[in-house]
Protein backbone atom coordinates (compact mmCIF):
# COMPACT_ATOMS: atom_id res chain seq x y z
CA MET A 1 -28.40 -31.42 48.25
CA ALA A 2 -31.86 -30.59 47.86
CA GLU A 3 -31.96 -27.96 45.08
CA ILE A 4 -35.39 -27.65 43.57
CA GLN A 5 -35.94 -27.06 40.08
CA ILE A 6 -39.16 -26.13 38.57
CA ARG A 7 -39.26 -26.29 34.78
CA ASN A 8 -41.81 -24.97 32.35
CA VAL A 9 -44.58 -26.07 34.92
CA ALA A 10 -48.17 -25.11 33.63
CA LYS A 11 -51.57 -26.20 34.96
CA THR A 12 -55.08 -25.72 33.84
CA PHE A 13 -58.23 -26.69 35.27
CA GLY A 14 -60.66 -26.95 32.40
CA ALA A 15 -60.55 -23.72 30.68
CA TYR A 16 -58.86 -22.00 33.53
CA GLN A 17 -55.01 -21.41 33.40
CA ALA A 18 -53.99 -21.57 37.19
CA LEU A 19 -50.04 -21.68 36.31
CA GLN A 20 -48.33 -20.36 33.17
CA ASP A 21 -44.71 -21.63 32.39
CA ILE A 22 -43.30 -21.33 35.70
CA ASN A 23 -39.40 -21.72 35.82
CA LEU A 24 -37.95 -21.32 39.28
CA THR A 25 -34.70 -22.70 40.77
CA ILE A 26 -34.47 -23.01 44.68
CA ALA A 27 -30.97 -23.49 46.03
CA ASP A 28 -30.25 -26.15 48.52
CA ARG A 29 -31.10 -24.96 52.26
CA GLU A 30 -32.75 -21.81 50.81
CA PHE A 31 -35.90 -20.22 52.47
CA MET A 32 -38.09 -19.33 49.39
CA VAL A 33 -41.28 -17.69 49.78
CA LEU A 34 -44.15 -17.73 47.29
CA LEU A 35 -46.01 -14.38 47.69
CA GLY A 36 -49.02 -13.22 46.23
CA ALA A 37 -52.86 -12.33 46.48
CA SER A 38 -55.62 -15.34 46.62
CA GLY A 39 -55.99 -16.85 43.45
CA CYS A 40 -52.38 -16.17 42.09
CA GLY A 41 -51.33 -19.78 41.81
CA LYS A 42 -49.00 -20.00 44.75
CA THR A 43 -50.80 -22.97 46.53
CA THR A 44 -51.19 -24.83 43.20
CA LEU A 45 -47.43 -24.73 42.55
CA LEU A 46 -46.73 -25.70 46.31
CA ARG A 47 -49.09 -28.84 45.84
CA ILE A 48 -47.50 -29.68 42.35
CA VAL A 49 -44.09 -29.68 44.12
CA ALA A 50 -45.51 -31.87 46.95
CA GLY A 51 -47.09 -34.39 44.43
CA LEU A 52 -50.48 -33.52 45.71
CA GLU A 53 -51.32 -32.15 42.35
CA THR A 54 -50.34 -33.06 38.85
CA ALA A 55 -48.70 -30.31 36.49
CA THR A 56 -50.43 -30.27 33.19
CA THR A 57 -47.11 -29.70 31.61
CA GLY A 58 -43.49 -29.33 33.00
CA GLU A 59 -41.20 -30.95 35.19
CA VAL A 60 -40.18 -31.04 39.22
CA TRP A 61 -36.65 -31.91 40.27
CA ILE A 62 -35.41 -32.13 43.66
CA GLY A 63 -31.63 -32.84 44.46
CA GLY A 64 -31.10 -33.76 40.87
CA ARG A 65 -33.83 -36.30 40.60
CA ARG A 66 -36.83 -35.93 38.46
CA VAL A 67 -39.68 -36.40 40.71
CA ASP A 68 -43.06 -35.06 39.11
CA HIS A 69 -43.80 -38.79 38.35
CA LEU A 70 -43.49 -39.89 41.79
CA PRO A 71 -46.02 -40.13 44.58
CA ALA A 72 -45.72 -37.54 47.42
CA LYS A 73 -44.33 -39.99 49.98
CA ASP A 74 -41.47 -40.97 47.71
CA ARG A 75 -40.37 -37.18 47.19
CA GLY A 76 -38.26 -36.68 50.24
CA ILE A 77 -40.58 -33.80 51.58
CA ALA A 78 -42.65 -32.77 54.58
CA MET A 79 -45.57 -30.37 54.47
CA VAL A 80 -47.13 -28.18 57.18
CA PHE A 81 -50.71 -27.18 56.37
CA GLN A 82 -52.77 -24.19 57.24
CA ASN A 83 -55.10 -26.09 59.55
CA TYR A 84 -52.10 -28.03 61.24
CA ALA A 85 -53.92 -31.52 60.74
CA VAL A 86 -52.96 -32.45 64.42
CA PHE A 87 -54.54 -35.65 65.28
CA PRO A 88 -56.56 -35.23 68.49
CA HIS A 89 -56.53 -38.76 69.64
CA LEU A 90 -52.71 -38.74 69.94
CA THR A 91 -50.31 -37.03 72.16
CA VAL A 92 -47.86 -34.57 71.21
CA PHE A 93 -45.45 -37.23 71.09
CA GLY A 94 -47.68 -39.35 69.08
CA ASN A 95 -48.34 -36.60 66.69
CA ILE A 96 -44.78 -35.89 66.20
CA GLY A 97 -43.77 -39.45 65.80
CA PHE A 98 -46.63 -40.22 63.56
CA GLY A 99 -44.84 -40.39 60.33
CA LEU A 100 -41.63 -42.19 61.75
CA ARG A 101 -44.15 -45.04 62.92
CA MET A 102 -45.63 -45.23 59.52
CA GLN A 103 -42.01 -45.68 58.33
CA LYS A 104 -41.67 -48.67 60.87
CA LEU A 105 -38.34 -46.87 62.52
CA PRO A 106 -37.15 -48.40 65.68
CA ASP A 107 -38.59 -47.27 68.59
CA ALA A 108 -35.23 -45.49 69.97
CA GLU A 109 -34.95 -43.75 66.62
CA VAL A 110 -38.50 -42.51 66.79
CA LYS A 111 -37.83 -41.28 70.42
CA ARG A 112 -34.34 -39.51 69.48
CA ARG A 113 -36.19 -37.48 66.59
CA VAL A 114 -39.20 -36.71 68.57
CA GLU A 115 -37.23 -35.28 71.57
CA ARG A 116 -34.90 -33.38 69.33
CA THR A 117 -37.53 -31.61 67.10
CA ALA A 118 -39.71 -31.19 70.17
CA SER A 119 -36.62 -29.38 71.76
CA LEU A 120 -35.94 -27.41 68.61
CA MET A 121 -39.76 -25.95 68.82
CA HIS A 122 -39.62 -25.66 72.55
CA ILE A 123 -42.48 -28.05 73.36
CA GLU A 124 -40.56 -30.69 75.05
CA GLN A 125 -42.64 -30.16 78.08
CA LEU A 126 -45.91 -30.92 76.22
CA LEU A 127 -45.07 -34.32 74.69
CA LYS A 128 -47.48 -36.12 77.05
CA ARG A 129 -50.57 -33.93 76.30
CA TYR A 130 -53.38 -34.39 73.54
CA SER A 131 -54.24 -31.64 71.12
CA GLY A 132 -57.37 -30.53 72.90
CA GLU A 133 -55.03 -29.18 75.75
CA LEU A 134 -53.08 -27.14 73.47
CA SER A 135 -53.18 -23.70 72.22
CA GLY A 136 -53.21 -22.46 68.43
CA GLY A 137 -49.53 -21.56 68.89
CA GLN A 138 -48.59 -24.86 70.47
CA ARG A 139 -50.43 -26.98 67.96
CA GLN A 140 -48.85 -25.02 65.04
CA ARG A 141 -45.34 -25.97 66.89
CA VAL A 142 -46.28 -29.74 66.86
CA ALA A 143 -47.23 -29.28 63.09
CA VAL A 144 -43.69 -27.95 62.36
CA ALA A 145 -42.17 -30.45 64.58
CA ARG A 146 -43.93 -33.35 62.90
CA ALA A 147 -42.49 -32.39 59.59
CA LEU A 148 -38.84 -31.65 60.72
CA ALA A 149 -38.87 -35.15 62.61
CA MET A 150 -39.17 -36.77 59.32
CA GLU A 151 -35.77 -35.13 58.47
CA PRO A 152 -36.97 -34.33 54.73
CA ASP A 153 -34.84 -32.80 51.91
CA VAL A 154 -37.59 -30.21 51.55
CA ILE A 155 -40.40 -28.75 53.91
CA LEU A 156 -43.43 -27.10 52.05
CA MET A 157 -45.57 -24.66 54.31
CA ASP A 158 -48.95 -23.27 53.06
CA GLU A 159 -49.84 -20.26 55.08
CA PRO A 160 -49.11 -21.95 58.54
CA LEU A 161 -49.18 -18.87 60.67
CA SER A 162 -52.49 -17.48 59.27
CA ASN A 163 -54.72 -18.78 62.10
CA LEU A 164 -52.67 -17.31 64.86
CA ASP A 165 -52.94 -13.77 66.23
CA ALA A 166 -50.63 -10.96 65.47
CA LEU A 167 -48.26 -11.11 68.47
CA LEU A 168 -48.13 -14.97 68.20
CA ARG A 169 -47.18 -14.71 64.35
CA LEU A 170 -44.54 -12.42 65.26
CA GLU A 171 -43.15 -14.81 67.66
CA MET A 172 -43.52 -17.67 65.61
CA ARG A 173 -41.82 -16.05 62.41
CA ALA A 174 -38.71 -15.52 64.30
CA GLU A 175 -38.81 -19.09 65.75
CA LEU A 176 -39.49 -20.62 62.27
CA LYS A 177 -36.47 -18.88 60.58
CA GLY A 178 -34.00 -20.00 63.20
CA VAL A 179 -35.24 -23.48 63.67
CA LEU A 180 -35.26 -23.99 59.63
CA ALA A 181 -31.73 -22.48 59.48
CA GLU A 182 -30.75 -24.86 62.10
CA SER A 183 -32.18 -27.89 60.46
CA GLU A 184 -30.58 -26.94 57.09
CA THR A 185 -33.75 -27.90 55.07
CA THR A 186 -34.76 -26.34 51.86
CA ALA A 187 -37.96 -24.78 52.59
CA ILE A 188 -40.84 -23.23 50.34
CA TYR A 189 -43.28 -21.10 52.23
CA VAL A 190 -46.64 -19.72 50.74
CA THR A 191 -48.25 -16.67 52.16
CA HIS A 192 -50.36 -13.65 51.20
CA ASP A 193 -48.70 -11.74 54.05
CA GLN A 194 -46.03 -9.41 52.67
CA VAL A 195 -44.56 -8.91 56.23
CA GLU A 196 -44.21 -12.55 56.69
CA ALA A 197 -42.59 -12.89 53.23
CA MET A 198 -40.15 -10.17 53.73
CA SER A 199 -39.09 -11.18 57.36
CA LEU A 200 -38.69 -14.94 56.67
CA ALA A 201 -37.41 -15.18 52.95
CA ASP A 202 -33.90 -15.59 51.43
CA ARG A 203 -35.61 -14.90 48.36
CA ILE A 204 -39.28 -14.10 47.40
CA SER A 205 -41.25 -15.21 44.25
CA VAL A 206 -43.88 -12.65 43.93
CA MET A 207 -46.77 -14.27 41.83
CA HIS A 208 -49.59 -12.68 39.79
CA GLN A 209 -52.26 -14.42 37.65
CA GLY A 210 -50.24 -17.59 37.41
CA MET A 211 -46.98 -16.27 36.81
CA ILE A 212 -43.83 -15.40 38.94
CA VAL A 213 -43.36 -11.49 38.15
CA GLN A 214 -40.16 -11.23 40.37
CA ALA A 215 -38.06 -13.56 42.16
CA ALA A 216 -35.30 -11.89 44.29
CA SER A 217 -34.14 -10.95 47.62
CA PRO A 218 -36.68 -9.15 49.95
CA ILE A 219 -34.83 -5.93 49.85
CA GLU A 220 -34.25 -6.25 46.05
CA VAL A 221 -38.24 -6.80 45.53
CA TYR A 222 -38.84 -3.79 48.02
CA ARG A 223 -36.32 -1.48 46.40
CA ASN A 224 -36.38 -2.40 42.78
CA PRO A 225 -39.61 -3.83 42.13
CA ALA A 226 -39.62 -5.28 38.36
CA ALA A 227 -43.12 -4.45 37.58
CA GLU A 228 -46.00 -2.13 38.62
CA PHE A 229 -47.75 -4.86 40.11
CA VAL A 230 -44.99 -5.78 42.52
CA ALA A 231 -44.38 -1.91 43.36
CA GLY A 232 -48.16 -1.83 44.28
CA PHE A 233 -48.31 -4.94 46.12
CA ILE A 234 -45.23 -4.83 48.30
CA GLY A 235 -45.07 -2.30 50.98
CA ASN A 236 -47.59 -0.81 53.41
CA PRO A 237 -48.65 1.61 52.26
CA PRO A 238 -47.46 0.68 48.46
CA MET A 239 -45.44 2.71 46.29
CA ASN A 240 -46.84 6.09 44.60
CA PHE A 241 -47.42 6.40 40.95
CA LEU A 242 -47.48 9.80 39.09
CA PRO A 243 -47.64 10.26 35.12
CA ALA A 244 -44.26 11.54 33.62
CA THR A 245 -44.20 13.12 30.36
CA PRO A 246 -40.67 13.63 28.49
CA ALA A 247 -39.24 17.02 28.53
CA GLY A 248 -36.10 16.28 26.30
CA ASN A 249 -32.48 15.50 27.51
CA ALA A 250 -33.58 12.54 29.59
CA LYS A 251 -35.61 14.81 31.67
CA TRP A 252 -39.17 14.21 32.59
CA THR A 253 -41.94 16.44 33.96
CA VAL A 254 -43.96 15.26 36.89
CA ALA A 255 -46.40 17.31 38.25
CA GLY A 256 -45.14 20.38 36.91
CA GLN A 257 -41.59 19.54 38.14
CA GLN A 258 -38.66 18.22 36.28
CA PHE A 259 -36.64 15.19 37.05
CA ASP A 260 -33.62 13.39 35.43
CA GLY A 261 -34.96 9.72 34.14
CA PRO A 262 -34.11 7.05 31.72
CA ASP A 263 -33.72 8.23 27.94
CA LYS A 264 -36.81 7.04 26.50
CA GLY A 265 -39.02 9.29 24.50
CA LYS A 266 -42.39 8.19 25.73
CA ALA A 267 -44.69 8.87 28.61
CA LEU A 268 -43.56 6.81 31.71
CA GLN A 269 -44.94 6.29 35.37
CA PHE A 270 -42.82 7.91 38.04
CA ALA A 271 -42.90 5.75 41.28
CA ILE A 272 -41.77 6.59 44.72
CA ARG A 273 -42.29 5.07 48.23
CA PRO A 274 -44.12 6.91 50.70
CA GLU A 275 -41.16 6.97 53.24
CA ASP A 276 -38.73 8.37 50.48
CA MET A 277 -40.38 11.83 50.43
CA ARG A 278 -39.48 14.73 52.87
CA ILE A 279 -40.88 18.12 53.20
CA ALA A 280 -38.75 20.62 51.19
CA ASP A 281 -38.56 24.10 49.77
CA HIS A 282 -38.74 22.62 46.30
CA GLY A 283 -40.18 19.55 44.77
CA LEU A 284 -44.02 18.57 44.10
CA SER A 285 -46.93 20.78 45.36
CA ALA A 286 -49.28 18.81 47.73
CA VAL A 287 -52.62 19.49 49.37
CA VAL A 288 -52.96 17.54 52.49
CA LYS A 289 -56.44 15.54 52.56
CA VAL A 290 -55.80 13.04 55.61
CA VAL A 291 -53.33 12.92 58.45
CA GLU A 292 -52.92 9.81 60.40
CA PRO A 293 -50.70 9.89 63.30
CA LEU A 294 -48.98 6.59 63.80
CA GLY A 295 -46.69 6.66 66.49
CA ALA A 296 -43.10 7.16 65.46
CA HIS A 297 -44.51 8.84 62.06
CA LEU A 298 -47.29 10.49 60.24
CA LEU A 299 -48.95 8.90 57.19
CA ILE A 300 -50.44 11.73 55.17
CA THR A 301 -52.65 11.45 52.08
CA CYS A 302 -52.41 14.20 49.91
CA GLU A 303 -53.25 15.47 46.37
CA VAL A 304 -50.51 16.04 43.91
CA ASP A 305 -51.78 17.48 40.34
CA GLY A 306 -55.13 15.47 40.46
CA THR A 307 -53.41 12.22 41.87
CA MET A 308 -53.55 10.70 45.37
CA LEU A 309 -50.32 10.35 47.02
CA ARG A 310 -49.09 9.03 50.33
CA ALA A 311 -46.14 10.21 52.44
CA VAL A 312 -44.46 8.97 55.78
CA LEU A 313 -43.37 11.95 57.46
CA ASP A 314 -41.64 12.58 60.83
CA SER A 315 -44.13 12.78 63.72
CA ASP A 316 -42.80 16.00 65.06
CA LEU A 317 -43.83 17.70 62.28
CA THR A 318 -47.08 19.79 62.41
CA VAL A 319 -49.21 19.13 59.31
CA SER A 320 -52.93 19.37 59.15
CA ALA A 321 -55.66 18.57 56.70
CA GLY A 322 -55.97 21.50 54.03
CA ASP A 323 -52.19 22.45 54.22
CA THR A 324 -50.51 23.00 50.93
CA ILE A 325 -46.85 21.49 51.48
CA THR A 326 -43.95 20.83 49.09
CA LEU A 327 -42.73 17.21 49.14
CA ALA A 328 -39.31 16.43 47.51
CA PRO A 329 -38.81 12.81 46.56
CA GLN A 330 -35.48 11.08 47.23
CA VAL A 331 -34.34 11.12 43.76
CA ASP A 332 -32.03 7.72 43.90
CA ARG A 333 -35.09 5.92 45.05
CA VAL A 334 -37.22 6.99 42.26
CA ARG A 335 -38.41 3.81 39.89
CA TRP A 336 -39.68 4.36 36.50
CA PHE A 337 -42.28 2.11 34.68
CA ASP A 338 -43.43 1.69 31.08
CA PRO A 339 -47.29 2.16 31.36
CA ASP A 340 -47.89 -0.33 28.46
CA SER A 341 -45.72 -3.28 29.42
CA THR A 342 -46.10 -2.36 33.25
CA LEU A 343 -42.53 -3.37 33.55
CA ALA A 344 -39.69 -1.20 35.21
CA VAL A 345 -37.45 0.76 32.94
CA ALA A 346 -33.65 1.03 33.50
């Protein structure tokens, strides 16, 4: 069992509060992604779990054992870094087997593990090559294979795909997910790329200003963001926000139109994803400002009652800048937010 429990972890660097009271449980064999913009604290949290950084307060438990007082080598973890850290003077075999040699495992066991993980990562034909002969994608595979060869309880990955081109990232995402499921290893993966997070994670922990704003499945984070930050960060393009004023009887006025909403007698934010709107006879009056053909669909930017809004429409529609159209939000996909707390309202 390699359940990870992060309990009340905080980290300060002088006067700077990098992490604030982080509480997170990661189930055995779960693939958890820490997602957020640069400076949100995700790498600091990963390094605390790894033992490369010390928490100011709080505890880290792995497999029912408290580990925050232990050095990194005694925590049962392996780590894949952004720059891969592949040793140029060693062959691929030597790189994958490096940690095993350091543990003084028998040659036969080193060979078994190296060949097994090389096969998992589809690099068994490269075992005799040196890193200078490898592409970026091949070096990335070597780094993952080296981590998996240690047969760790937990594997930690810090933006391991960020140096690869878009096509190779797509290929490696699918490969990583399959390999880690097969290895039955608990994983924490750090990224600022929401597409990576959505495609890889069993759960996503969205981080902002040193806090976890929401930890949930990818579809839950996407469909039911817990805070305005999550709604605006997840999705490309992100959620639209329009001011809503109470009209009585749990109805709300948004850009001159009434919608059913939560029974709360104060101004709220009405939020809808761009793909959850359609052109209709009744709805929000919108003046089209920009039309971007994107193959299967059109991305339009328009103005609704003084607020800019984006909609994703069928590419067969004829829409031009300057047109006035009527957009009908899919009402069961509307999300409401309190503008004071910025949290979702049920």
